Amino acid sequence: MAKPKVQTISGYRLKEPRITPMALWLFFLKVALPVLVIGGIIDLVVQLTTGVCTGLWCLAK
């Protein structure tokens, strides 16, 4: 992949795009947390209906 041309405004070089702590926090809130919660609910429903533990907490037993 070719590196993009360095952008300047009035002779000042712009910073390269980067992942910020706020972007990581928003990713956690909007993607990772809902996936974990939905997965936990599904594991709980399966455990309550079938009696078979499928969650990560079952590995600790």
C-alpha atoms as a PDB file:
ATOM      1  CA  MET A   1       0.000   0.000   0.000  1.00  0.00           C
ATOM      2  CA  ALA A   2       1.252   3.427  -0.878  1.00  0.00           C
ATOM      3  CA  LYS A   3       1.720   5.913   1.928  1.00  0.00           C
ATOM      4  CA  PRO A   4      -0.558   8.951   1.547  1.00  0.00           C
ATOM      5  CA  LYS A   5       0.975  12.311   0.784  1.00  0.00           C
ATOM      6  CA  VAL A   6       1.779  14.438   3.841  1.00  0.00           C
ATOM      7  CA  GLN A   7      -0.956  17.056   4.246  1.00  0.00           C
ATOM      8  CA  THR A   8      -0.106  20.608   5.199  1.00  0.00           C
ATOM      9  CA  ILE A   9      -2.192  23.663   6.001  1.00  0.00           C
ATOM     10  CA  SER A  10      -0.450  27.033   5.833  1.00  0.00           C
ATOM     11  CA  GLY A  11       2.874  25.233   6.017  1.00  0.00           C
ATOM     12  CA  TYR A  12       1.973  23.214   9.142  1.00  0.00           C
ATOM     13  CA  ARG A  13       2.115  19.459   8.879  1.00  0.00           C
ATOM     14  CA  LEU A  14      -1.061  17.704  10.063  1.00  0.00           C
ATOM     15  CA  LYS A  15      -0.782  14.893  12.597  1.00  0.00           C
ATOM     16  CA  GLU A  16      -1.334  11.366  11.355  1.00  0.00           C
ATOM     17  CA  PRO A  17      -4.708   9.815  12.262  1.00  0.00           C
ATOM     18  CA  ARG A  18      -4.493   7.623  15.366  1.00  0.00           C
ATOM     19  CA  ILE A  19      -6.695   5.717  17.754  1.00  0.00           C
ATOM     20  CA  THR A  20      -7.432   7.827  20.819  1.00  0.00           C
ATOM     21  CA  PRO A  21      -8.414   6.660  24.310  1.00  0.00           C
ATOM     22  CA  MET A  22     -11.900   8.101  23.678  1.00  0.00           C
ATOM     23  CA  ALA A  23     -12.249   5.960  20.531  1.00  0.00           C
ATOM     24  CA  LEU A  24     -11.274   2.854  22.493  1.00  0.00           C
ATOM     25  CA  TRP A  25     -13.783   3.727  25.236  1.00  0.00           C
ATOM     26  CA  LEU A  26     -16.585   4.287  22.693  1.00  0.00           C
ATOM     27  CA  PHE A  27     -15.745   0.991  20.980  1.00  0.00           C
ATOM     28  CA  PHE A  28     -15.995  -0.766  24.344  1.00  0.00           C
ATOM     29  CA  LEU A  29     -19.339   0.864  25.165  1.00  0.00           C
ATOM     30  CA  LYS A  30     -20.973   0.439  21.758  1.00  0.00           C
ATOM     31  CA  VAL A  31     -19.560  -2.917  20.609  1.00  0.00           C
ATOM     32  CA  ALA A  32     -17.789  -4.995  23.248  1.00  0.00           C
ATOM     33  CA  LEU A  33     -20.110  -4.387  26.201  1.00  0.00           C
ATOM     34  CA  PRO A  34     -23.363  -5.191  24.343  1.00  0.00           C
ATOM     35  CA  VAL A  35     -21.815  -8.372  22.900  1.00  0.00           C
ATOM     36  CA  LEU A  36     -20.715  -9.486  26.361  1.00  0.00           C
ATOM     37  CA  VAL A  37     -24.106  -8.721  27.912  1.00  0.00           C
ATOM     38  CA  ILE A  38     -26.094 -10.456  25.165  1.00  0.00           C
ATOM     39  CA  GLY A  39     -23.760 -13.475  25.298  1.00  0.00           C
ATOM     40  CA  GLY A  40     -24.147 -13.659  29.073  1.00  0.00           C
ATOM     41  CA  ILE A  41     -27.924 -13.538  28.814  1.00  0.00           C
ATOM     42  CA  ILE A  42     -27.926 -16.313  26.198  1.00  0.00           C
ATOM     43  CA  ASP A  43     -25.643 -18.438  28.411  1.00  0.00           C
ATOM     44  CA  LEU A  44     -27.923 -17.852  31.396  1.00  0.00           C
ATOM     45  CA  VAL A  45     -31.062 -18.816  29.444  1.00  0.00           C
ATOM     46  CA  VAL A  46     -29.407 -22.001  28.152  1.00  0.00           C
ATOM     47  CA  GLN A  47     -28.244 -22.897  31.658  1.00  0.00           C
ATOM     48  CA  LEU A  48     -31.675 -22.312  33.178  1.00  0.00           C
ATOM     49  CA  THR A  49     -33.553 -24.259  30.473  1.00  0.00           C
ATOM     50  CA  THR A  50     -31.204 -27.217  29.929  1.00  0.00           C
ATOM     51  CA  GLY A  51     -29.139 -27.343  33.102  1.00  0.00           C
ATOM     52  CA  VAL A  52     -25.923 -27.333  31.048  1.00  0.00           C
ATOM     53  CA  CYS A  53     -23.503 -24.540  31.874  1.00  0.00           C
ATOM     54  CA  THR A  54     -22.004 -23.021  28.701  1.00  0.00           C
ATOM     55  CA  GLY A  55     -20.502 -19.803  30.059  1.00  0.00           C
ATOM     56  CA  LEU A  56     -16.881 -18.929  30.774  1.00  0.00           C
ATOM     57  CA  TRP A  57     -17.628 -19.066  34.495  1.00  0.00           C
ATOM     58  CA  CYS A  58     -18.150 -22.841  34.116  1.00  0.00           C
ATOM     59  CA  LEU A  59     -14.411 -23.285  33.475  1.00  0.00           C
ATOM     60  CA  ALA A  60     -13.627 -22.055  37.006  1.00  0.00           C
ATOM     61  CA  LYS A  61     -15.552 -24.918  38.628  1.00  0.00           C
END
